Amino acid sequence: MGGRSSEHDISVASASSVIEALRDRYNTVSIEIDRDGRWALPAAVPPALEAAEHTSKPVETLPVPAESSVPATLADVDVVFPVLHGPFGEDGTVQGLLELAGVPYVGPGVLASALCMDKDVFKAVLRDRGIPVTPSITLRHGDPEEHPFSYPVFVKPARLGSSVGISKVHDQSELGPALELAFRHDEKVLIEEFIDALEVECSVLGNREPIASLPGQIIAHAEWYDFAAKYEKGGMELVVPPPISAEAVERVRRLAVEAFVAGECEGMARVDFFVRGEEVLVNELNTIPGFTSTSVYAKLFAESGISYPELLDRLIALALERHKRQQRYAY
């Protein structure tokens, strides 16, 4: 939990909920990564891991020194649950480490994690599969500050989450500062057409046969669904089912699974949509969504009949199933 990204605190909150829900059925140990990339274990660990010498003192970022207890911990656990958001956690980097260590882990693998983190490439893959996405263009440093859309537009870093670095741009005078903000976070930036539509989200669970939850409408108590609306108390409300037609609901659920499969995802993901009448557009896919019991991912499955503890059990079982399946292949 934690991690180097600007979503560090959100990750810690999500992980705390996961740990609390697992404690009555599993021995758990947490590894917190601080904003500098240093890895730390808690002073108290489960009995199953007492053989190793543990310390709460942070160790240097990778490569982890052999005398630290992190390698022993990774070797001893049955499953790792990466509750990390944003770069250096949700983007395939930690997943690659766990692949090298041969440890089962919850959530999508290296390719899916990296692909879905990059909104530009993710949209390209979905367009190639015939899945409708929100129109956007991509700029890099030095590109002309122009776009084909009418105002307002959204400007966002290509590889970040939780609305960090995103601006709603109302006219040409706001474009330059918005791009400057986004380029502080990434060398690649999207300018996205504003879609006047309902914001609808749908959770997906599974490996080879994924299922979609009931969708829900996001109502932000702000001009748009920014960081404060997502994480401050009373910043948003979730309406399940959303006020859209039954046909649109089924299209959202179908496209959620199609986007999940197109992105090579396994385990879990939350897919974000814009719905305008019968038109449904995929906006983003989050491979490690917020994970408190009241986060959208969990709440949508709770509304679909899968409780938070059961959801965690299923995700752990899916991680073990995928790891066992992958052991059959020769490399």
C-alpha atoms as a PDB file:
ATOM      1  CA  MET A   1       0.000   0.000   0.000  1.00  0.00           C
ATOM      2  CA  GLY A   2       0.985   3.658  -0.252  1.00  0.00           C
ATOM      3  CA  GLY A   3       3.370   4.085  -3.146  1.00  0.00           C
ATOM      4  CA  ARG A   4       5.227   6.931  -4.800  1.00  0.00           C
ATOM      5  CA  SER A   5       2.312   8.522  -6.657  1.00  0.00           C
ATOM      6  CA  SER A   6       0.174  11.478  -5.650  1.00  0.00           C
ATOM      7  CA  GLU A   7      -2.546   8.943  -4.801  1.00  0.00           C
ATOM      8  CA  HIS A   8      -0.516   7.620  -1.849  1.00  0.00           C
ATOM      9  CA  ASP A   9      -3.011   8.597   0.857  1.00  0.00           C
ATOM     10  CA  ILE A  10      -5.954   7.158  -1.066  1.00  0.00           C
ATOM     11  CA  SER A  11      -4.067   3.877  -1.366  1.00  0.00           C
ATOM     12  CA  VAL A  12      -3.442   3.755   2.396  1.00  0.00           C
ATOM     13  CA  ALA A  13      -7.152   4.344   3.089  1.00  0.00           C
ATOM     14  CA  SER A  14      -8.153   1.606   0.630  1.00  0.00           C
ATOM     15  CA  ALA A  15      -5.601  -0.838   2.043  1.00  0.00           C
ATOM     16  CA  SER A  16      -6.741  -0.208   5.614  1.00  0.00           C
ATOM     17  CA  SER A  17     -10.267  -1.296   4.657  1.00  0.00           C
ATOM     18  CA  VAL A  18      -8.965  -4.393   2.875  1.00  0.00           C
ATOM     19  CA  ILE A  19      -6.798  -5.426   5.852  1.00  0.00           C
ATOM     20  CA  GLU A  20      -9.655  -4.939   8.307  1.00  0.00           C
ATOM     21  CA  ALA A  21     -11.983  -7.086   6.183  1.00  0.00           C
ATOM     22  CA  LEU A  22      -9.383  -9.875   5.779  1.00  0.00           C
ATOM     23  CA  ARG A  23      -8.228 -10.193   9.392  1.00  0.00           C
ATOM     24  CA  ASP A  24     -10.895 -12.641  10.551  1.00  0.00           C
ATOM     25  CA  ARG A  25     -10.079 -15.131   7.777  1.00  0.00           C
ATOM     26  CA  TYR A  26      -6.429 -14.585   6.811  1.00  0.00           C
ATOM     27  CA  ASN A  27      -3.054 -13.834   8.327  1.00  0.00           C
ATOM     28  CA  THR A  28      -2.129 -10.471   6.862  1.00  0.00           C
ATOM     29  CA  VAL A  29       1.072  -8.459   6.685  1.00  0.00           C
ATOM     30  CA  SER A  30       1.317  -4.984   5.183  1.00  0.00           C
ATOM     31  CA  ILE A  31       4.198  -3.505   3.231  1.00  0.00           C
ATOM     32  CA  GLU A  32       3.930   0.261   2.970  1.00  0.00           C
ATOM     33  CA  ILE A  33       5.854   2.086   0.254  1.00  0.00           C
ATOM     34  CA  ASP A  34       6.450   5.743   1.095  1.00  0.00           C
ATOM     35  CA  ARG A  35       6.453   8.692  -1.311  1.00  0.00           C
ATOM     36  CA  ASP A  36      10.231   8.303  -1.770  1.00  0.00           C
ATOM     37  CA  GLY A  37       9.847   4.676  -2.834  1.00  0.00           C
ATOM     38  CA  ARG A  38      11.166   3.205   0.420  1.00  0.00           C
ATOM     39  CA  TRP A  39       9.601  -0.082   1.548  1.00  0.00           C
ATOM     40  CA  ALA A  40       8.646  -0.658   5.199  1.00  0.00           C
ATOM     41  CA  LEU A  41       7.194  -3.553   7.156  1.00  0.00           C
ATOM     42  CA  PRO A  42       5.225  -3.131  10.387  1.00  0.00           C
ATOM     43  CA  ALA A  43       6.861  -4.078  13.669  1.00  0.00           C
ATOM     44  CA  ALA A  44       4.153  -6.652  14.424  1.00  0.00           C
ATOM     45  CA  VAL A  45       3.592  -9.449  11.921  1.00  0.00           C
ATOM     46  CA  PRO A  46       1.400 -12.570  11.812  1.00  0.00           C
ATOM     47  CA  PRO A  47       2.725 -15.731  13.533  1.00  0.00           C
ATOM     48  CA  ALA A  48       3.166 -17.449  10.170  1.00  0.00           C
ATOM     49  CA  LEU A  49       5.882 -14.945   9.298  1.00  0.00           C
ATOM     50  CA  GLU A  50       7.654 -14.705  12.669  1.00  0.00           C
ATOM     51  CA  ALA A  51      10.583 -16.849  11.463  1.00  0.00           C
ATOM     52  CA  ALA A  52      11.930 -13.916   9.499  1.00  0.00           C
ATOM     53  CA  GLU A  53      13.550 -10.932  11.180  1.00  0.00           C
ATOM     54  CA  HIS A  54      11.187  -8.014  10.648  1.00  0.00           C
ATOM     55  CA  THR A  55      11.671  -4.337  11.182  1.00  0.00           C
ATOM     56  CA  SER A  56       9.532  -1.247  10.862  1.00  0.00           C
ATOM     57  CA  LYS A  57      12.490   0.768   9.578  1.00  0.00           C
ATOM     58  CA  PRO A  58      12.119   1.638   5.886  1.00  0.00           C
ATOM     59  CA  VAL A  59      14.616   0.072   3.509  1.00  0.00           C
ATOM     60  CA  GLU A  60      15.928   1.527   0.279  1.00  0.00           C
ATOM     61  CA  THR A  61      13.909   1.286  -2.877  1.00  0.00           C
ATOM     62  CA  LEU A  62      14.673  -1.604  -5.228  1.00  0.00           C
ATOM     63  CA  PRO A  63      16.905  -3.510  -5.406  1.00  0.00           C
ATOM     64  CA  VAL A  64      15.882  -4.398  -1.858  1.00  0.00           C
ATOM     65  CA  PRO A  65      18.954  -5.242   0.288  1.00  0.00           C
ATOM     66  CA  ALA A  66      19.285  -8.950   1.014  1.00  0.00           C
ATOM     67  CA  GLU A  67      19.469  -8.317   4.765  1.00  0.00           C
ATOM     68  CA  SER A  68      16.028  -6.694   4.792  1.00  0.00           C
ATOM     69  CA  SER A  69      12.894  -8.699   5.544  1.00  0.00           C
ATOM     70  CA  VAL A  70      10.942  -7.673   2.432  1.00  0.00           C
ATOM     71  CA  PRO A  71      12.221 -10.525   0.193  1.00  0.00           C
ATOM     72  CA  ALA A  72      11.443 -13.069   2.922  1.00  0.00           C
ATOM     73  CA  THR A  73       7.967 -11.650   3.315  1.00  0.00           C
ATOM     74  CA  LEU A  74       7.245 -11.812  -0.412  1.00  0.00           C
ATOM     75  CA  ALA A  75       8.527 -15.384  -0.500  1.00  0.00           C
ATOM     76  CA  ASP A  76       6.354 -16.498   2.416  1.00  0.00           C
ATOM     77  CA  VAL A  77       2.960 -15.091   1.490  1.00  0.00           C
ATOM     78  CA  ASP A  78       0.353 -16.972  -0.517  1.00  0.00           C
ATOM     79  CA  VAL A  79      -1.035 -13.924  -2.344  1.00  0.00           C
ATOM     80  CA  VAL A  80      -0.060 -10.269  -2.646  1.00  0.00           C
ATOM     81  CA  PHE A  81      -2.885  -7.736  -2.801  1.00  0.00           C
ATOM     82  CA  PRO A  82      -1.455  -4.603  -4.444  1.00  0.00           C
ATOM     83  CA  VAL A  83      -3.696  -1.808  -3.205  1.00  0.00           C
ATOM     84  CA  LEU A  84      -1.687   0.837  -5.038  1.00  0.00           C
ATOM     85  CA  HIS A  85      -3.031   3.642  -7.199  1.00  0.00           C
ATOM     86  CA  GLY A  86      -1.316   5.525  -9.995  1.00  0.00           C
ATOM     87  CA  PRO A  87       2.289   5.293 -11.271  1.00  0.00           C
ATOM     88  CA  PHE A  88       4.726   2.865  -9.607  1.00  0.00           C
ATOM     89  CA  GLY A  89       1.932   0.576  -8.471  1.00  0.00           C
ATOM     90  CA  GLU A  90      -1.054   0.441 -10.784  1.00  0.00           C
ATOM     91  CA  ASP A  91       0.964   0.740 -14.000  1.00  0.00           C
ATOM     92  CA  GLY A  92       2.564  -2.722 -14.188  1.00  0.00           C
ATOM     93  CA  THR A  93       5.790  -1.923 -12.335  1.00  0.00           C
ATOM     94  CA  VAL A  94       4.956  -3.706  -9.078  1.00  0.00           C
ATOM     95  CA  GLN A  95       3.165  -6.412 -11.056  1.00  0.00           C
ATOM     96  CA  GLY A  96       6.430  -7.048 -12.930  1.00  0.00           C
ATOM     97  CA  LEU A  97       8.302  -7.366  -9.642  1.00  0.00           C
ATOM     98  CA  LEU A  98       5.771  -9.926  -8.409  1.00  0.00           C
ATOM     99  CA  GLU A  99       6.011 -11.861 -11.682  1.00  0.00           C
ATOM    100  CA  LEU A 100       9.796 -12.040 -11.240  1.00  0.00           C
ATOM    101  CA  ALA A 101       9.305 -13.187  -7.656  1.00  0.00           C
ATOM    102  CA  GLY A 102       6.815 -15.847  -8.768  1.00  0.00           C
ATOM    103  CA  VAL A 103       4.169 -14.666  -6.288  1.00  0.00           C
ATOM    104  CA  PRO A 104       0.420 -14.742  -7.058  1.00  0.00           C
ATOM    105  CA  TYR A 105      -1.171 -11.298  -6.905  1.00  0.00           C
ATOM    106  CA  VAL A 106      -4.619  -9.760  -7.148  1.00  0.00           C
ATOM    107  CA  GLY A 107      -5.651  -7.745 -10.177  1.00  0.00           C
ATOM    108  CA  PRO A 108      -4.551  -7.389 -13.802  1.00  0.00           C
ATOM    109  CA  GLY A 109      -1.079  -8.359 -14.983  1.00  0.00           C
ATOM    110  CA  VAL A 110       1.816  -6.348 -16.371  1.00  0.00           C
ATOM    111  CA  LEU A 111       0.459  -5.691 -19.857  1.00  0.00           C
ATOM    112  CA  ALA A 112      -3.084  -4.823 -18.776  1.00  0.00           C
ATOM    113  CA  SER A 113      -1.863  -2.595 -15.965  1.00  0.00           C
ATOM    114  CA  ALA A 114       0.471  -0.610 -18.217  1.00  0.00           C
ATOM    115  CA  LEU A 115      -2.041  -0.429 -21.069  1.00  0.00           C
ATOM    116  CA  CYS A 116      -4.989   0.761 -19.016  1.00  0.00           C
ATOM    117  CA  MET A 117      -2.898   3.337 -17.160  1.00  0.00           C
ATOM    118  CA  ASP A 118      -2.085   5.003 -20.487  1.00  0.00           C
ATOM    119  CA  LYS A 119      -5.376   6.595 -21.558  1.00  0.00           C
ATOM    120  CA  ASP A 120      -4.021   7.364 -25.036  1.00  0.00           C
ATOM    121  CA  VAL A 121      -2.951   3.808 -25.906  1.00  0.00           C
ATOM    122  CA  PHE A 122      -5.937   2.274 -24.106  1.00  0.00           C
ATOM    123  CA  LYS A 123      -8.336   4.266 -26.270  1.00  0.00           C
ATOM    124  CA  ALA A 124      -6.433   3.235 -29.403  1.00  0.00           C
ATOM    125  CA  VAL A 125      -6.815  -0.451 -28.482  1.00  0.00           C
ATOM    126  CA  LEU A 126     -10.535  -0.042 -27.800  1.00  0.00           C
ATOM    127  CA  ARG A 127     -11.094   1.826 -31.072  1.00  0.00           C
ATOM    128  CA  ASP A 128      -9.364  -1.026 -32.904  1.00  0.00           C
ATOM    129  CA  ARG A 129     -11.829  -3.457 -31.264  1.00  0.00           C
ATOM    130  CA  GLY A 130     -14.808  -1.344 -32.297  1.00  0.00           C
ATOM    131  CA  ILE A 131     -15.559  -0.162 -28.760  1.00  0.00           C
ATOM    132  CA  PRO A 132     -16.734   3.495 -28.681  1.00  0.00           C
ATOM    133  CA  VAL A 133     -14.585   5.864 -26.602  1.00  0.00           C
ATOM    134  CA  THR A 134     -14.635   9.569 -25.764  1.00  0.00           C
ATOM    135  CA  PRO A 135     -12.950  11.601 -28.541  1.00  0.00           C
ATOM    136  CA  SER A 136      -9.561  13.080 -27.647  1.00  0.00           C
ATOM    137  CA  ILE A 137      -6.198  14.078 -29.057  1.00  0.00           C
ATOM    138  CA  THR A 138      -2.771  13.576 -27.523  1.00  0.00           C
ATOM    139  CA  LEU A 139      -0.039  16.206 -27.169  1.00  0.00           C
ATOM    140  CA  ARG A 140       3.620  15.915 -26.206  1.00  0.00           C
ATOM    141  CA  HIS A 141       6.023  18.677 -25.208  1.00  0.00           C
ATOM    142  CA  GLY A 142       6.535  21.043 -28.130  1.00  0.00           C
ATOM    143  CA  ASP A 143       3.327  20.144 -29.975  1.00  0.00           C
ATOM    144  CA  PRO A 144       1.064  23.046 -31.019  1.00  0.00           C
ATOM    145  CA  GLU A 145      -1.437  23.957 -28.306  1.00  0.00           C
ATOM    146  CA  GLU A 146      -4.509  23.333 -30.442  1.00  0.00           C
ATOM    147  CA  HIS A 147      -7.374  20.888 -30.769  1.00  0.00           C
ATOM    148  CA  PRO A 148     -10.455  20.284 -32.968  1.00  0.00           C
ATOM    149  CA  PHE A 149     -13.092  20.455 -30.209  1.00  0.00           C
ATOM    150  CA  SER A 150     -15.414  23.245 -29.100  1.00  0.00           C
ATOM    151  CA  TYR A 151     -15.129  24.473 -25.516  1.00  0.00           C
ATOM    152  CA  PRO A 152     -15.274  23.341 -22.813  1.00  0.00           C
ATOM    153  CA  VAL A 153     -12.694  20.535 -23.002  1.00  0.00           C
ATOM    154  CA  PHE A 154     -10.843  18.464 -20.426  1.00  0.00           C
ATOM    155  CA  VAL A 155      -7.043  18.453 -20.245  1.00  0.00           C
ATOM    156  CA  LYS A 156      -5.472  15.535 -18.396  1.00  0.00           C
ATOM    157  CA  PRO A 157      -2.162  13.684 -17.969  1.00  0.00           C
ATOM    158  CA  ALA A 158      -2.201  10.473 -19.989  1.00  0.00           C
ATOM    159  CA  ARG A 159      -0.989   8.273 -17.131  1.00  0.00           C
ATOM    160  CA  LEU A 160      -2.435   9.388 -13.814  1.00  0.00           C
ATOM    161  CA  GLY A 161      -5.636   8.852 -11.862  1.00  0.00           C
ATOM    162  CA  SER A 162      -8.001  10.312  -9.264  1.00  0.00           C
ATOM    163  CA  SER A 163      -8.417  13.476 -11.370  1.00  0.00           C
ATOM    164  CA  VAL A 164      -4.915  14.662 -10.390  1.00  0.00           C
ATOM    165  CA  GLY A 165      -3.596  17.223 -12.880  1.00  0.00           C
ATOM    166  CA  ILE A 166      -6.927  17.451 -14.724  1.00  0.00           C
ATOM    167  CA  SER A 167      -8.565  20.756 -15.676  1.00  0.00           C
ATOM    168  CA  LYS A 168     -11.884  21.658 -17.208  1.00  0.00           C
ATOM    169  CA  VAL A 169     -10.994  24.331 -19.766  1.00  0.00           C
ATOM    170  CA  HIS A 170     -13.772  26.760 -20.611  1.00  0.00           C
ATOM    171  CA  ASP A 171     -12.042  28.864 -23.292  1.00  0.00           C
ATOM    172  CA  GLN A 172      -8.766  29.375 -25.152  1.00  0.00           C
ATOM    173  CA  SER A 173      -7.304  31.560 -22.385  1.00  0.00           C
ATOM    174  CA  GLU A 174      -7.407  28.636 -19.937  1.00  0.00           C
ATOM    175  CA  LEU A 175      -5.788  26.105 -22.261  1.00  0.00           C
ATOM    176  CA  GLY A 176      -2.141  27.074 -21.719  1.00  0.00           C
ATOM    177  CA  PRO A 177      -2.235  26.927 -17.890  1.00  0.00           C
ATOM    178  CA  ALA A 178      -4.163  23.629 -18.018  1.00  0.00           C
ATOM    179  CA  LEU A 179      -1.554  22.079 -20.309  1.00  0.00           C
ATOM    180  CA  GLU A 180       1.242  23.371 -18.069  1.00  0.00           C
ATOM    181  CA  LEU A 181      -0.405  21.707 -15.063  1.00  0.00           C
ATOM    182  CA  ALA A 182      -0.902  18.396 -16.885  1.00  0.00           C
ATOM    183  CA  PHE A 183       2.683  18.384 -18.206  1.00  0.00           C
ATOM    184  CA  ARG A 184       3.948  18.608 -14.623  1.00  0.00           C
ATOM    185  CA  HIS A 185       2.678  15.047 -14.189  1.00  0.00           C
ATOM    186  CA  ASP A 186       3.374  13.415 -17.539  1.00  0.00           C
ATOM    187  CA  GLU A 187       5.173  13.983 -20.843  1.00  0.00           C
ATOM    188  CA  LYS A 188       1.998  13.005 -22.672  1.00  0.00           C
ATOM    189  CA  VAL A 189      -1.299  14.884 -22.250  1.00  0.00           C
ATOM    190  CA  LEU A 190      -4.830  14.355 -23.557  1.00  0.00           C
ATOM    191  CA  ILE A 191      -7.254  17.045 -24.637  1.00  0.00           C
ATOM    192  CA  GLU A 192     -10.654  15.406 -24.442  1.00  0.00           C
ATOM    193  CA  GLU A 193     -13.967  16.520 -25.887  1.00  0.00           C
ATOM    194  CA  PHE A 194     -16.526  17.489 -23.256  1.00  0.00           C
ATOM    195  CA  ILE A 195     -19.431  15.047 -23.299  1.00  0.00           C
ATOM    196  CA  ASP A 196     -22.677  16.433 -21.916  1.00  0.00           C
ATOM    197  CA  ALA A 197     -23.971  13.149 -20.544  1.00  0.00           C
ATOM    198  CA  LEU A 198     -24.506  11.081 -17.422  1.00  0.00           C
ATOM    199  CA  GLU A 199     -21.366   9.706 -15.776  1.00  0.00           C
ATOM    200  CA  VAL A 200     -21.898   5.989 -15.201  1.00  0.00           C
ATOM    201  CA  GLU A 201     -19.503   3.428 -13.735  1.00  0.00           C
ATOM    202  CA  CYS A 202     -19.508  -0.372 -13.811  1.00  0.00           C
ATOM    203  CA  SER A 203     -17.365  -2.885 -11.908  1.00  0.00           C
ATOM    204  CA  VAL A 204     -15.951  -6.064 -13.466  1.00  0.00           C
ATOM    205  CA  LEU A 205     -14.783  -9.231 -11.693  1.00  0.00           C
ATOM    206  CA  GLY A 206     -13.241 -12.425 -13.080  1.00  0.00           C
ATOM    207  CA  ASN A 207     -10.503 -13.987 -15.148  1.00  0.00           C
ATOM    208  CA  ARG A 208     -11.500 -15.857 -18.298  1.00  0.00           C
ATOM    209  CA  GLU A 209     -15.246 -15.407 -17.651  1.00  0.00           C
ATOM    210  CA  PRO A 210     -15.623 -11.902 -16.198  1.00  0.00           C
ATOM    211  CA  ILE A 211     -18.929 -10.597 -14.884  1.00  0.00           C
ATOM    212  CA  ALA A 212     -20.191  -7.005 -14.694  1.00  0.00           C
ATOM    213  CA  SER A 213     -21.948  -5.437 -11.738  1.00  0.00           C
ATOM    214  CA  LEU A 214     -25.021  -3.309 -11.917  1.00  0.00           C
ATOM    215  CA  PRO A 215     -23.910   0.126 -13.128  1.00  0.00           C
ATOM    216  CA  GLY A 216     -24.330   3.297 -11.121  1.00  0.00           C
ATOM    217  CA  GLN A 217     -24.574   6.987 -11.927  1.00  0.00           C
ATOM    218  CA  ILE A 218     -22.047   9.362 -10.388  1.00  0.00           C
ATOM    219  CA  ILE A 219     -23.564  12.661  -9.277  1.00  0.00           C
ATOM    220  CA  ALA A 220     -20.752  15.057  -8.390  1.00  0.00           C
ATOM    221  CA  HIS A 221     -21.573  17.963  -6.094  1.00  0.00           C
ATOM    222  CA  ALA A 222     -19.196  20.161  -8.049  1.00  0.00           C
ATOM    223  CA  GLU A 223     -18.841  21.420 -11.598  1.00  0.00           C
ATOM    224  CA  TRP A 224     -17.204  18.107 -12.529  1.00  0.00           C
ATOM    225  CA  TYR A 225     -16.029  14.878 -10.884  1.00  0.00           C
ATOM    226  CA  ASP A 226     -12.748  16.245  -9.542  1.00  0.00           C
ATOM    227  CA  PHE A 227     -10.497  15.018  -6.707  1.00  0.00           C
ATOM    228  CA  ALA A 228     -12.572  16.663  -3.973  1.00  0.00           C
ATOM    229  CA  ALA A 229     -15.829  15.282  -5.361  1.00  0.00           C
ATOM    230  CA  LYS A 230     -14.320  11.795  -5.429  1.00  0.00           C
ATOM    231  CA  TYR A 231     -12.816  11.689  -1.959  1.00  0.00           C
ATOM    232  CA  GLU A 232     -14.310  14.320   0.320  1.00  0.00           C
ATOM    233  CA  LYS A 233     -17.350  13.375   2.385  1.00  0.00           C
ATOM    234  CA  GLY A 234     -20.508  14.414   0.572  1.00  0.00           C
ATOM    235  CA  GLY A 235     -18.622  15.167  -2.612  1.00  0.00           C
ATOM    236  CA  MET A 236     -20.661  12.765  -4.706  1.00  0.00           C
ATOM    237  CA  GLU A 237     -23.502  10.299  -4.600  1.00  0.00           C
ATOM    238  CA  LEU A 238     -23.946   6.994  -6.366  1.00  0.00           C
ATOM    239  CA  VAL A 239     -27.335   6.131  -7.871  1.00  0.00           C
ATOM    240  CA  VAL A 240     -27.943   2.416  -8.557  1.00  0.00           C
ATOM    241  CA  PRO A 241     -29.462   1.651 -10.979  1.00  0.00           C
ATOM    242  CA  PRO A 242     -28.784   4.779 -13.039  1.00  0.00           C
ATOM    243  CA  PRO A 243     -31.678   6.683 -14.651  1.00  0.00           C
ATOM    244  CA  ILE A 244     -31.089   5.234 -18.112  1.00  0.00           C
ATOM    245  CA  SER A 245     -33.040   2.742 -20.207  1.00  0.00           C
ATOM    246  CA  ALA A 246     -32.803  -0.994 -19.597  1.00  0.00           C
ATOM    247  CA  GLU A 247     -31.164  -1.308 -23.018  1.00  0.00           C
ATOM    248  CA  ALA A 248     -28.509   1.264 -22.070  1.00  0.00           C
ATOM    249  CA  VAL A 249     -27.868  -0.555 -18.774  1.00  0.00           C
ATOM    250  CA  GLU A 250     -27.209  -3.795 -20.622  1.00  0.00           C
ATOM    251  CA  ARG A 251     -25.001  -1.996 -23.145  1.00  0.00           C
ATOM    252  CA  VAL A 252     -22.935  -0.508 -20.303  1.00  0.00           C
ATOM    253  CA  ARG A 253     -22.483  -3.954 -18.742  1.00  0.00           C
ATOM    254  CA  ARG A 254     -21.607  -5.554 -22.079  1.00  0.00           C
ATOM    255  CA  LEU A 255     -19.101  -2.853 -23.023  1.00  0.00           C
ATOM    256  CA  ALA A 256     -17.558  -3.028 -19.538  1.00  0.00           C
ATOM    257  CA  VAL A 257     -16.754  -6.698 -20.093  1.00  0.00           C
ATOM    258  CA  GLU A 258     -15.615  -6.061 -23.674  1.00  0.00           C
ATOM    259  CA  ALA A 259     -13.255  -3.288 -22.539  1.00  0.00           C
ATOM    260  CA  PHE A 260     -11.970  -5.530 -19.730  1.00  0.00           C
ATOM    261  CA  VAL A 261     -11.204  -8.316 -22.214  1.00  0.00           C
ATOM    262  CA  ALA A 262      -9.739  -5.958 -24.844  1.00  0.00           C
ATOM    263  CA  GLY A 263      -7.390  -4.565 -22.193  1.00  0.00           C
ATOM    264  CA  GLU A 264      -6.183  -8.102 -21.299  1.00  0.00           C
ATOM    265  CA  CYS A 265      -7.465  -7.587 -17.740  1.00  0.00           C
ATOM    266  CA  GLU A 266      -7.975 -10.270 -15.130  1.00  0.00           C
ATOM    267  CA  GLY A 267      -9.205 -10.086 -11.557  1.00  0.00           C
ATOM    268  CA  MET A 268     -10.830  -6.687 -11.280  1.00  0.00           C
ATOM    269  CA  ALA A 269     -11.400  -3.324 -12.917  1.00  0.00           C
ATOM    270  CA  ARG A 270     -13.839  -0.424 -12.847  1.00  0.00           C
ATOM    271  CA  VAL A 271     -14.949   0.976 -16.203  1.00  0.00           C
ATOM    272  CA  ASP A 272     -16.111   4.598 -16.461  1.00  0.00           C
ATOM    273  CA  PHE A 273     -18.658   5.662 -19.087  1.00  0.00           C
ATOM    274  CA  PHE A 274     -20.589   8.597 -20.452  1.00  0.00           C
ATOM    275  CA  VAL A 275     -24.195   7.768 -21.345  1.00  0.00           C
ATOM    276  CA  ARG A 276     -26.263  10.107 -23.528  1.00  0.00           C
ATOM    277  CA  GLY A 277     -29.606   8.578 -24.417  1.00  0.00           C
ATOM    278  CA  GLU A 278     -28.769   5.236 -25.991  1.00  0.00           C
ATOM    279  CA  GLU A 279     -25.186   6.293 -26.789  1.00  0.00           C
ATOM    280  CA  VAL A 280     -22.601   4.735 -24.457  1.00  0.00           C
ATOM    281  CA  LEU A 281     -18.933   5.812 -24.546  1.00  0.00           C
ATOM    282  CA  VAL A 282     -16.058   4.279 -22.573  1.00  0.00           C
ATOM    283  CA  ASN A 283     -13.952   6.953 -20.895  1.00  0.00           C
ATOM    284  CA  GLU A 284     -11.421   5.105 -18.716  1.00  0.00           C
ATOM    285  CA  LEU A 285     -10.668   1.744 -17.111  1.00  0.00           C
ATOM    286  CA  ASN A 286      -9.129   1.557 -13.631  1.00  0.00           C
ATOM    287  CA  THR A 287      -7.271  -1.659 -12.845  1.00  0.00           C
ATOM    288  CA  ILE A 288      -6.931  -0.916  -9.089  1.00  0.00           C
ATOM    289  CA  PRO A 289      -9.947   1.221  -8.228  1.00  0.00           C
ATOM    290  CA  GLY A 290     -10.533   2.762  -4.818  1.00  0.00           C
ATOM    291  CA  PHE A 291     -11.072  -0.138  -2.434  1.00  0.00           C
ATOM    292  CA  THR A 292     -12.756   0.935   0.750  1.00  0.00           C
ATOM    293  CA  SER A 293     -16.073  -0.775   1.503  1.00  0.00           C
ATOM    294  CA  THR A 294     -17.823   2.424   0.428  1.00  0.00           C
ATOM    295  CA  SER A 295     -15.821   2.932  -2.780  1.00  0.00           C
ATOM    296  CA  VAL A 296     -17.722   2.722  -6.047  1.00  0.00           C
ATOM    297  CA  TYR A 297     -16.175  -0.607  -7.104  1.00  0.00           C
ATOM    298  CA  ALA A 298     -17.269  -2.411  -3.937  1.00  0.00           C
ATOM    299  CA  LYS A 299     -20.617  -0.615  -3.617  1.00  0.00           C
ATOM    300  CA  LEU A 300     -21.652  -1.611  -7.144  1.00  0.00           C
ATOM    301  CA  PHE A 301     -20.966  -5.270  -6.400  1.00  0.00           C
ATOM    302  CA  ALA A 302     -22.733  -4.975  -3.039  1.00  0.00           C
ATOM    303  CA  GLU A 303     -25.779  -3.710  -4.960  1.00  0.00           C
ATOM    304  CA  SER A 304     -25.319  -6.708  -7.255  1.00  0.00           C
ATOM    305  CA  GLY A 305     -25.396  -9.202  -4.378  1.00  0.00           C
ATOM    306  CA  ILE A 306     -21.663  -9.677  -3.679  1.00  0.00           C
ATOM    307  CA  SER A 307     -20.638  -8.384  -0.243  1.00  0.00           C
ATOM    308  CA  TYR A 308     -17.286  -6.728   0.451  1.00  0.00           C
ATOM    309  CA  PRO A 309     -15.783  -9.771   2.274  1.00  0.00           C
ATOM    310  CA  GLU A 310     -17.000 -12.117  -0.463  1.00  0.00           C
ATOM    311  CA  LEU A 311     -15.563  -9.786  -3.111  1.00  0.00           C
ATOM    312  CA  LEU A 312     -12.140  -9.971  -1.461  1.00  0.00           C
ATOM    313  CA  ASP A 313     -12.357 -13.773  -1.203  1.00  0.00           C
ATOM    314  CA  ARG A 314     -13.182 -14.027  -4.888  1.00  0.00           C
ATOM    315  CA  LEU A 315     -10.309 -11.756  -5.872  1.00  0.00           C
ATOM    316  CA  ILE A 316      -7.841 -13.841  -3.862  1.00  0.00           C
ATOM    317  CA  ALA A 317      -9.190 -17.055  -5.428  1.00  0.00           C
ATOM    318  CA  LEU A 318      -8.872 -15.500  -8.898  1.00  0.00           C
ATOM    319  CA  ALA A 319      -5.243 -14.565  -8.190  1.00  0.00           C
ATOM    320  CA  LEU A 320      -4.437 -18.141  -7.176  1.00  0.00           C
ATOM    321  CA  GLU A 321      -6.286 -19.569 -10.182  1.00  0.00           C
ATOM    322  CA  ARG A 322      -4.382 -17.361 -12.639  1.00  0.00           C
ATOM    323  CA  HIS A 323      -1.013 -18.170 -11.047  1.00  0.00           C
ATOM    324  CA  LYS A 324      -1.722 -21.902 -11.194  1.00  0.00           C
ATOM    325  CA  ARG A 325      -2.845 -21.614 -14.827  1.00  0.00           C
ATOM    326  CA  GLN A 326       0.303 -19.734 -15.815  1.00  0.00           C
ATOM    327  CA  GLN A 327       2.527 -22.414 -14.302  1.00  0.00           C
ATOM    328  CA  ARG A 328       1.424 -24.801 -17.060  1.00  0.00           C
ATOM    329  CA  TYR A 329       3.292 -22.915 -19.765  1.00  0.00           C
ATOM    330  CA  ALA A 330       6.896 -23.450 -20.847  1.00  0.00           C
ATOM    331  CA  TYR A 331       9.092 -20.354 -21.179  1.00  0.00           C
END
